[in-house]
Amino acid sequence: MRKLSVLLTIFLMIQVFTSHAFATTTGEKDPLTLTKLVENMGEYEKKNISLVGTILGACGSGCKIWLGEGPYKEGNPVALVWAKDDAFKFKTNATGRKVELQGYAVGEYIDLCAIEKNEKKDGKKAATPSGQDKKDCKPPIKVEVAKKKEGVKQLKSITFFATSVNYLK
């Protein structure tokens, strides 16, 4: 009887841990677009996601690409995509092709309130990243702030580390 209860306990623990491991995924069935990633960067940053977009350019050796949504227009979001751990090379002649990438995104942020404080301290107006007046420290792109006391931050750039690439079309 005791062996049976130990065996059932082990099976129960295996079931709990395996269901928890599968439940920690983002739950996204469809790949994200770059616009959706930018709008919800705080939700998806450093999580395994699927990202779809158009290759805007590639380096000569195929180690990185620029990704956007369709042909590039000024102001459109872009991401620099690296092959994680140089596990593969991107096609260097694939500019304009759609791709689906697996991997994770990391954002670089600008502290707008720190810029404003430096301007007040120096007594001169520094060039702001987006060219807008930062009187109220509100960023043009909604981003999730890690800690409220750190101030308001604007998403400056996205780097995506791809673990796999699938060329579409």
Foldseek 3Di string as FASTA:
>chain_A
DVVVVVVVVVVVVVVVVVVVVVVPALPDPDADEPVVCQQAVVSFAPGKGKYKFFFQAADPFQQWTKGFHAHDDPPGAIEIEGAVVPPDGHDRPRHGFMKIFIFGKDFDKDAQVVQVVVCVVVVHHDQDPVNDDCPPVEEPHDDDDPDVVSHDIYTDHMYTHGNDMDTDD
